[in-house]
Amino acid sequence: MEKFVKDLINEKVISVSRNTTVGELCKILLDNNITGTPVLDSDNHLVGMVTDADIITENIEPIFPMYFDPLIASFAYMENFEKFTLDVKEYLSIKVEEIMTRKVKSLKPDTPVSKAVQIMVKDRLNRIPVVDGDNKVIGIIARADVLRSLLADARKD
C-alpha cells in the first residue's frame, strides 16, 4: 500500500521569519536539535529555507583568525582577536533573509512518499516543507520521518 506525505508529515514545524537574525537562528536550531527550518512570512507562506549549511559557509572563513605567529607582538594578536569578535557579532546580527535559499522545493500532502524520497535524494535535501494550496506551510517531512516509517513497516511483518 502506497504511503503519502500526509501519512508521515510532522505538523509541529519550527520556523523562522525573514527578520530572524543568524544568531537567533543558531539558537533555534541548537535548542530544537534540528539542522534547518522553513522561512515564513507573516501569513505562514513559505518564502525560503535556511539550514546550518547556509550559516557555515566558506564565505565566513576569513572572519576567523587563521593562525597565531609567536614572533608577532601579542598586541597584534589581540587586535586580530578583537576584529574576529566584532566580525562574528556582525555576522550573527544579519537577517536570515540574506542567507536563506529562496527557490524551495515543497510538497503537497497527497504527494506519494516515493516521490518525496526521490526529490530528497536527487536534490540532497534533508527536509521538505509541506504546503497547502495557498503555499502555507502545514508541516514538514524529513529523512528521519521516512526512516521511522520504514522501521514501523518492518515491525508489522
N, C-alpha and C. Protein backbone atom coordinates (compact mmCIF):
# COMPACT_ATOMS: atom_id res chain seq x y z
N MET A 1 0.84 -1.18 0.00
CA MET A 1 0.00 0.00 0.00
C MET A 1 0.89 1.25 0.00
N GLU A 2 0.63 2.12 -0.94
CA GLU A 2 1.45 3.32 -1.06
C GLU A 2 1.11 4.33 0.03
N LYS A 3 2.19 4.93 0.56
CA LYS A 3 2.02 5.97 1.57
C LYS A 3 2.15 7.33 0.92
N PHE A 4 1.53 8.30 1.57
CA PHE A 4 1.58 9.67 1.09
C PHE A 4 2.22 10.55 2.15
N VAL A 5 2.68 11.71 1.71
CA VAL A 5 3.34 12.65 2.61
C VAL A 5 2.47 12.92 3.84
N LYS A 6 1.16 13.02 3.65
CA LYS A 6 0.25 13.30 4.77
C LYS A 6 0.31 12.21 5.84
N ASP A 7 0.77 11.00 5.46
CA ASP A 7 0.89 9.90 6.42
C ASP A 7 2.12 10.05 7.31
N LEU A 8 3.11 10.81 6.87
CA LEU A 8 4.37 10.95 7.61
C LEU A 8 4.64 12.36 8.11
N ILE A 9 3.79 13.28 7.72
CA ILE A 9 4.02 14.70 7.98
C ILE A 9 4.19 14.99 9.47
N ASN A 10 5.12 15.87 9.75
CA ASN A 10 5.29 16.39 11.10
C ASN A 10 4.64 17.77 11.10
N GLU A 11 3.53 17.89 11.80
CA GLU A 11 2.77 19.15 11.80
C GLU A 11 3.36 20.19 12.74
N LYS A 12 4.27 19.76 13.63
CA LYS A 12 4.92 20.71 14.53
C LYS A 12 6.15 21.25 13.80
N VAL A 13 5.96 22.36 13.10
CA VAL A 13 7.03 22.93 12.29
C VAL A 13 7.67 24.09 13.05
N ILE A 14 8.95 23.98 13.24
CA ILE A 14 9.71 25.07 13.82
C ILE A 14 10.15 25.93 12.64
N SER A 15 9.76 27.19 12.66
CA SER A 15 10.05 28.07 11.53
C SER A 15 10.61 29.39 12.03
N VAL A 16 11.12 30.16 11.10
CA VAL A 16 11.64 31.49 11.40
C VAL A 16 11.09 32.47 10.37
N SER A 17 11.26 33.75 10.65
CA SER A 17 10.85 34.77 9.69
C SER A 17 12.09 35.31 8.98
N ARG A 18 11.86 36.09 7.96
CA ARG A 18 12.97 36.72 7.23
C ARG A 18 13.83 37.60 8.13
N ASN A 19 13.20 38.18 9.16
CA ASN A 19 13.89 39.12 10.03
C ASN A 19 14.60 38.49 11.22
N THR A 20 14.50 37.17 11.34
CA THR A 20 15.24 36.47 12.38
C THR A 20 16.73 36.66 12.11
N THR A 21 17.51 36.91 13.15
CA THR A 21 18.95 37.08 12.94
C THR A 21 19.63 35.71 12.86
N VAL A 22 20.81 35.69 12.30
CA VAL A 22 21.58 34.44 12.22
C VAL A 22 21.87 33.92 13.63
N GLY A 23 22.14 34.82 14.56
CA GLY A 23 22.36 34.40 15.94
C GLY A 23 21.13 33.73 16.54
N GLU A 24 19.96 34.33 16.32
CA GLU A 24 18.71 33.73 16.81
C GLU A 24 18.47 32.38 16.13
N LEU A 25 18.76 32.31 14.83
CA LEU A 25 18.61 31.06 14.10
C LEU A 25 19.49 29.97 14.69
N CYS A 26 20.73 30.29 14.98
CA CYS A 26 21.65 29.32 15.58
C CYS A 26 21.04 28.75 16.87
N LYS A 27 20.53 29.63 17.71
CA LYS A 27 19.93 29.19 18.97
C LYS A 27 18.72 28.29 18.72
N ILE A 28 17.87 28.66 17.78
CA ILE A 28 16.68 27.86 17.47
C ILE A 28 17.08 26.47 16.98
N LEU A 29 18.04 26.41 16.07
CA LEU A 29 18.50 25.11 15.55
C LEU A 29 19.08 24.25 16.66
N LEU A 30 19.93 24.83 17.48
CA LEU A 30 20.56 24.06 18.56
C LEU A 30 19.55 23.65 19.63
N ASP A 31 18.69 24.56 20.04
CA ASP A 31 17.70 24.26 21.09
C ASP A 31 16.74 23.16 20.67
N ASN A 32 16.46 23.07 19.36
CA ASN A 32 15.48 22.09 18.88
C ASN A 32 16.12 20.87 18.21
N ASN A 33 17.46 20.83 18.24
CA ASN A 33 18.20 19.71 17.66
C ASN A 33 17.78 19.44 16.21
N ILE A 34 17.72 20.52 15.42
CA ILE A 34 17.40 20.42 14.01
C ILE A 34 18.49 21.11 13.20
N THR A 35 18.52 20.83 11.91
CA THR A 35 19.58 21.41 11.08
C THR A 35 19.05 22.41 10.05
N GLY A 36 17.76 22.61 10.01
CA GLY A 36 17.19 23.56 9.07
C GLY A 36 15.73 23.80 9.36
N THR A 37 15.23 24.89 8.76
CA THR A 37 13.85 25.26 9.03
C THR A 37 13.29 26.11 7.89
N PRO A 38 11.98 26.06 7.68
CA PRO A 38 11.36 26.94 6.69
C PRO A 38 11.39 28.39 7.16
N VAL A 39 11.43 29.30 6.20
CA VAL A 39 11.31 30.73 6.47
C VAL A 39 9.92 31.13 5.98
N LEU A 40 9.12 31.71 6.88
CA LEU A 40 7.73 32.05 6.57
C LEU A 40 7.49 33.54 6.67
N ASP A 41 6.53 34.01 5.87
CA ASP A 41 6.10 35.41 6.02
C ASP A 41 5.07 35.47 7.14
N SER A 42 4.50 36.63 7.37
CA SER A 42 3.56 36.80 8.48
C SER A 42 2.26 36.02 8.32
N ASP A 43 1.97 35.55 7.11
CA ASP A 43 0.77 34.76 6.86
C ASP A 43 1.06 33.26 6.74
N ASN A 44 2.24 32.85 7.18
CA ASN A 44 2.69 31.44 7.12
C ASN A 44 2.94 30.94 5.71
N HIS A 45 3.14 31.85 4.76
CA HIS A 45 3.51 31.43 3.41
C HIS A 45 5.00 31.12 3.38
N LEU A 46 5.36 30.09 2.66
CA LEU A 46 6.75 29.69 2.52
C LEU A 46 7.49 30.67 1.63
N VAL A 47 8.57 31.26 2.15
CA VAL A 47 9.37 32.20 1.35
C VAL A 47 10.82 31.75 1.21
N GLY A 48 11.20 30.70 1.95
CA GLY A 48 12.57 30.22 1.86
C GLY A 48 12.84 29.08 2.82
N MET A 49 14.07 28.59 2.75
CA MET A 49 14.56 27.58 3.70
C MET A 49 15.93 28.06 4.15
N VAL A 50 16.27 27.74 5.39
CA VAL A 50 17.59 28.08 5.90
C VAL A 50 18.10 26.90 6.72
N THR A 51 19.37 26.57 6.51
CA THR A 51 19.96 25.42 7.19
C THR A 51 21.28 25.81 7.84
N ASP A 52 21.79 24.88 8.62
CA ASP A 52 23.11 25.12 9.22
C ASP A 52 24.17 25.30 8.15
N ALA A 53 23.99 24.66 7.00
CA ALA A 53 24.95 24.81 5.90
C ALA A 53 24.92 26.23 5.33
N ASP A 54 23.79 26.90 5.43
CA ASP A 54 23.71 28.29 4.98
C ASP A 54 24.48 29.21 5.93
N ILE A 55 24.57 28.81 7.19
CA ILE A 55 25.28 29.60 8.19
C ILE A 55 26.79 29.36 8.07
N ILE A 56 27.14 28.09 7.98
CA ILE A 56 28.56 27.71 7.96
C ILE A 56 28.97 27.53 6.51
N THR A 57 29.46 28.59 5.91
CA THR A 57 29.88 28.54 4.52
C THR A 57 31.32 29.02 4.39
N GLU A 58 31.89 28.79 3.24
CA GLU A 58 33.26 29.25 3.00
C GLU A 58 33.35 30.77 3.06
N ASN A 59 32.24 31.45 2.87
CA ASN A 59 32.25 32.92 2.90
C ASN A 59 32.59 33.48 4.28
N ILE A 60 32.36 32.71 5.34
CA ILE A 60 32.66 33.24 6.66
C ILE A 60 34.07 32.88 7.12
N GLU A 61 34.75 32.04 6.39
CA GLU A 61 36.09 31.62 6.80
C GLU A 61 37.03 32.78 7.09
N PRO A 62 37.07 33.83 6.26
CA PRO A 62 38.03 34.91 6.52
C PRO A 62 37.81 35.66 7.83
N ILE A 63 36.65 35.53 8.47
CA ILE A 63 36.46 36.26 9.72
C ILE A 63 37.15 35.55 10.88
N PHE A 64 37.55 34.30 10.71
CA PHE A 64 38.20 33.57 11.78
C PHE A 64 39.71 33.75 11.71
N PRO A 65 40.38 33.93 12.85
CA PRO A 65 41.84 34.06 12.82
C PRO A 65 42.46 32.80 12.23
N MET A 66 43.34 32.98 11.25
CA MET A 66 43.91 31.84 10.55
C MET A 66 45.06 31.20 11.31
N TYR A 67 45.85 31.98 12.01
CA TYR A 67 46.99 31.43 12.74
C TYR A 67 47.47 32.45 13.76
N PHE A 68 48.29 31.98 14.68
CA PHE A 68 48.94 32.87 15.63
C PHE A 68 50.43 32.73 15.42
N ASP A 69 51.06 33.82 15.11
CA ASP A 69 52.51 33.83 14.89
C ASP A 69 53.17 34.33 16.16
N PRO A 70 53.90 33.45 16.86
CA PRO A 70 54.51 33.87 18.13
C PRO A 70 55.55 34.98 17.97
N LEU A 71 56.03 35.21 16.76
CA LEU A 71 57.01 36.27 16.52
C LEU A 71 56.36 37.65 16.46
N ILE A 72 55.03 37.67 16.26
CA ILE A 72 54.31 38.94 16.24
C ILE A 72 53.96 39.32 17.67
N ALA A 73 54.06 40.58 17.98
CA ALA A 73 53.75 41.04 19.34
C ALA A 73 52.33 40.64 19.71
N SER A 74 52.09 40.38 20.98
CA SER A 74 50.77 39.95 21.42
C SER A 74 49.71 41.01 21.14
N PHE A 75 50.11 42.30 21.12
CA PHE A 75 49.16 43.37 20.80
C PHE A 75 48.55 43.14 19.42
N ALA A 76 49.37 42.74 18.44
CA ALA A 76 48.88 42.47 17.09
C ALA A 76 47.87 41.33 17.12
N TYR A 77 48.14 40.30 17.91
CA TYR A 77 47.21 39.19 18.02
C TYR A 77 45.91 39.66 18.66
N MET A 78 45.98 40.43 19.73
CA MET A 78 44.78 40.92 20.39
C MET A 78 43.95 41.79 19.45
N GLU A 79 44.61 42.57 18.63
CA GLU A 79 43.89 43.39 17.66
C GLU A 79 43.11 42.49 16.71
N ASN A 80 43.74 41.42 16.25
CA ASN A 80 43.05 40.47 15.37
C ASN A 80 41.90 39.79 16.10
N PHE A 81 42.10 39.45 17.37
CA PHE A 81 41.05 38.79 18.13
C PHE A 81 39.85 39.71 18.29
N GLU A 82 40.11 40.98 18.56
CA GLU A 82 39.00 41.94 18.71
C GLU A 82 38.25 42.09 17.39
N LYS A 83 38.96 42.11 16.28
CA LYS A 83 38.32 42.18 14.96
C LYS A 83 37.49 40.93 14.72
N PHE A 84 38.06 39.78 15.08
CA PHE A 84 37.36 38.50 14.96
C PHE A 84 36.04 38.54 15.73
N THR A 85 36.11 39.02 16.98
CA THR A 85 34.90 39.10 17.81
C THR A 85 33.88 40.04 17.19
N LEU A 86 34.32 41.17 16.73
CA LEU A 86 33.42 42.14 16.10
C LEU A 86 32.79 41.55 14.84
N ASP A 87 33.61 40.91 14.00
CA ASP A 87 33.09 40.32 12.76
C ASP A 87 32.06 39.24 13.04
N VAL A 88 32.31 38.41 14.05
CA VAL A 88 31.36 37.35 14.40
C VAL A 88 30.05 37.98 14.86
N LYS A 89 30.14 38.99 15.72
CA LYS A 89 28.92 39.67 16.19
C LYS A 89 28.15 40.27 15.03
N GLU A 90 28.87 40.88 14.09
CA GLU A 90 28.21 41.45 12.91
C GLU A 90 27.53 40.36 12.10
N TYR A 91 28.22 39.24 11.90
CA TYR A 91 27.66 38.15 11.12
C TYR A 91 26.41 37.58 11.79
N LEU A 92 26.46 37.40 13.10
CA LEU A 92 25.31 36.85 13.82
C LEU A 92 24.12 37.81 13.86
N SER A 93 24.36 39.07 13.55
CA SER A 93 23.26 40.04 13.58
C SER A 93 22.58 40.23 12.21
N ILE A 94 23.12 39.61 11.15
CA ILE A 94 22.46 39.76 9.86
C ILE A 94 21.16 38.96 9.85
N LYS A 95 20.28 39.29 8.95
CA LYS A 95 18.97 38.66 8.87
C LYS A 95 19.02 37.37 8.05
N VAL A 96 18.18 36.43 8.44
CA VAL A 96 18.06 35.15 7.72
C VAL A 96 17.80 35.39 6.24
N GLU A 97 17.07 36.43 5.92
CA GLU A 97 16.74 36.77 4.54
C GLU A 97 17.99 36.85 3.66
N GLU A 98 19.12 37.23 4.25
CA GLU A 98 20.35 37.38 3.48
C GLU A 98 21.05 36.06 3.17
N ILE A 99 20.74 35.00 3.92
CA ILE A 99 21.43 33.73 3.69
C ILE A 99 20.50 32.59 3.26
N MET A 100 19.19 32.80 3.33
CA MET A 100 18.25 31.72 3.04
C MET A 100 18.24 31.35 1.56
N THR A 101 17.79 30.14 1.30
CA THR A 101 17.55 29.68 -0.06
C THR A 101 16.14 30.10 -0.43
N ARG A 102 16.01 30.78 -1.55
CA ARG A 102 14.69 31.31 -1.95
C ARG A 102 13.92 30.33 -2.84
N LYS A 103 14.61 29.59 -3.67
CA LYS A 103 13.95 28.60 -4.52
C LYS A 103 13.84 27.31 -3.73
N VAL A 104 12.67 27.09 -3.17
CA VAL A 104 12.47 25.98 -2.24
C VAL A 104 11.57 24.92 -2.86
N LYS A 105 11.98 23.68 -2.74
CA LYS A 105 11.12 22.56 -3.11
C LYS A 105 10.11 22.40 -1.99
N SER A 106 8.87 22.16 -2.37
CA SER A 106 7.84 21.88 -1.38
C SER A 106 6.97 20.75 -1.91
N LEU A 107 6.19 20.17 -1.02
CA LEU A 107 5.32 19.05 -1.37
C LEU A 107 3.90 19.34 -0.93
N LYS A 108 2.99 18.68 -1.58
CA LYS A 108 1.58 18.71 -1.17
C LYS A 108 1.33 17.46 -0.31
N PRO A 109 0.33 17.50 0.54
CA PRO A 109 0.06 16.35 1.42
C PRO A 109 -0.23 15.05 0.66
N ASP A 110 -0.78 15.16 -0.55
CA ASP A 110 -1.14 13.95 -1.30
C ASP A 110 -0.01 13.45 -2.22
N THR A 111 1.21 13.99 -2.05
CA THR A 111 2.36 13.51 -2.81
C THR A 111 2.76 12.14 -2.28
N PRO A 112 2.98 11.16 -3.16
CA PRO A 112 3.45 9.86 -2.69
C PRO A 112 4.82 9.99 -2.00
N VAL A 113 5.01 9.24 -0.94
CA VAL A 113 6.29 9.27 -0.21
C VAL A 113 7.43 8.89 -1.14
N SER A 114 7.18 7.96 -2.07
CA SER A 114 8.23 7.56 -3.01
C SER A 114 8.73 8.76 -3.81
N LYS A 115 7.83 9.66 -4.20
CA LYS A 115 8.21 10.87 -4.93
C LYS A 115 9.00 11.82 -4.01
N ALA A 116 8.58 11.94 -2.76
CA ALA A 116 9.29 12.78 -1.79
C ALA A 116 10.72 12.27 -1.60
N VAL A 117 10.87 10.97 -1.50
CA VAL A 117 12.20 10.37 -1.33
C VAL A 117 13.07 10.63 -2.56
N GLN A 118 12.48 10.51 -3.74
CA GLN A 118 13.24 10.79 -4.97
C GLN A 118 13.77 12.22 -4.96
N ILE A 119 12.94 13.16 -4.56
CA ILE A 119 13.34 14.57 -4.51
C ILE A 119 14.44 14.76 -3.46
N MET A 120 14.28 14.15 -2.29
CA MET A 120 15.29 14.26 -1.24
C MET A 120 16.65 13.77 -1.71
N VAL A 121 16.64 12.62 -2.37
CA VAL A 121 17.90 12.03 -2.83
C VAL A 121 18.50 12.83 -3.98
N LYS A 122 17.69 13.12 -4.97
CA LYS A 122 18.17 13.84 -6.16
C LYS A 122 18.71 15.23 -5.81
N ASP A 123 17.99 15.95 -4.96
CA ASP A 123 18.36 17.32 -4.63
C ASP A 123 19.14 17.43 -3.32
N ARG A 124 19.46 16.29 -2.73
CA ARG A 124 20.23 16.24 -1.47
C ARG A 124 19.59 17.10 -0.39
N LEU A 125 18.31 16.88 -0.17
CA LEU A 125 17.56 17.62 0.84
C LEU A 125 17.31 16.74 2.05
N ASN A 126 17.47 17.29 3.23
CA ASN A 126 17.19 16.55 4.46
C ASN A 126 15.76 16.70 4.91
N ARG A 127 15.12 17.77 4.45
CA ARG A 127 13.74 18.03 4.84
C ARG A 127 13.05 18.83 3.74
N ILE A 128 11.74 18.63 3.61
CA ILE A 128 10.97 19.37 2.61
C ILE A 128 9.69 19.86 3.27
N PRO A 129 9.39 21.16 3.16
CA PRO A 129 8.14 21.67 3.72
C PRO A 129 6.94 21.14 2.94
N VAL A 130 5.86 20.97 3.66
CA VAL A 130 4.59 20.54 3.06
C VAL A 130 3.65 21.73 3.13
N VAL A 131 3.10 22.08 1.97
CA VAL A 131 2.26 23.27 1.87
C VAL A 131 0.86 22.92 1.36
N ASP A 132 -0.09 23.79 1.69
CA ASP A 132 -1.44 23.62 1.16
C ASP A 132 -1.55 24.35 -0.17
N GLY A 133 -2.75 24.47 -0.70
CA GLY A 133 -2.96 25.10 -2.00
C GLY A 133 -2.61 26.58 -2.04
N ASP A 134 -2.53 27.22 -0.88
CA ASP A 134 -2.18 28.64 -0.81
C ASP A 134 -0.71 28.87 -0.47
N ASN A 135 0.09 27.81 -0.54
CA ASN A 135 1.53 27.86 -0.22
C ASN A 135 1.79 28.18 1.25
N LYS A 136 0.82 27.83 2.10
CA LYS A 136 1.01 27.97 3.54
C LYS A 136 1.57 26.66 4.08
N VAL A 137 2.59 26.77 4.92
CA VAL A 137 3.23 25.58 5.47
C VAL A 137 2.29 24.92 6.47
N ILE A 138 2.03 23.64 6.24
CA ILE A 138 1.17 22.87 7.14
C ILE A 138 1.95 21.75 7.83
N GLY A 139 3.20 21.58 7.43
CA GLY A 139 4.02 20.54 8.04
C GLY A 139 5.36 20.44 7.33
N ILE A 140 6.09 19.43 7.72
CA ILE A 140 7.39 19.19 7.11
C ILE A 140 7.65 17.69 7.12
N ILE A 141 8.36 17.21 6.14
CA ILE A 141 8.76 15.81 6.12
C ILE A 141 10.27 15.78 5.99
N ALA A 142 10.89 14.98 6.85
CA ALA A 142 12.34 14.88 6.88
C ALA A 142 12.75 13.44 6.60
N ARG A 143 14.02 13.27 6.27
CA ARG A 143 14.54 11.92 6.04
C ARG A 143 14.29 11.03 7.26
N ALA A 144 14.41 11.61 8.45
CA ALA A 144 14.17 10.83 9.67
C ALA A 144 12.74 10.31 9.72
N ASP A 145 11.78 11.07 9.21
CA ASP A 145 10.39 10.61 9.18
C ASP A 145 10.24 9.39 8.27
N VAL A 146 10.96 9.41 7.16
CA VAL A 146 10.94 8.27 6.23
C VAL A 146 11.56 7.05 6.90
N LEU A 147 12.67 7.23 7.60
CA LEU A 147 13.31 6.12 8.29
C LEU A 147 12.40 5.53 9.37
N ARG A 148 11.73 6.40 10.14
CA ARG A 148 10.79 5.92 11.16
C ARG A 148 9.68 5.08 10.52
N SER A 149 9.19 5.53 9.38
CA SER A 149 8.14 4.81 8.68
C SER A 149 8.63 3.44 8.20
N LEU A 150 9.85 3.41 7.68
CA LEU A 150 10.43 2.13 7.23
C LEU A 150 10.54 1.15 8.39
N LEU A 151 11.02 1.61 9.52
CA LEU A 151 11.14 0.75 10.69
C LEU A 151 9.79 0.26 11.19
N ALA A 152 8.81 1.16 11.22
CA ALA A 152 7.46 0.79 11.64
C ALA A 152 6.87 -0.26 10.71
N ASP A 153 7.08 -0.09 9.40
CA ASP A 153 6.58 -1.06 8.43
C ASP A 153 7.25 -2.41 8.61
N ALA A 154 8.54 -2.40 8.89
CA ALA A 154 9.29 -3.65 9.06
C ALA A 154 8.82 -4.40 10.30
N ARG A 155 8.43 -3.68 11.32
CA ARG A 155 7.97 -4.32 12.56
C ARG A 155 6.58 -4.95 12.41
N LYS A 156 5.82 -4.47 11.42
CA LYS A 156 4.46 -5.00 11.19
C LYS A 156 4.50 -6.41 10.63
N ASP A 157 5.55 -6.70 9.87
CA ASP A 157 5.63 -8.02 9.21
C ASP A 157 6.04 -9.13 10.13
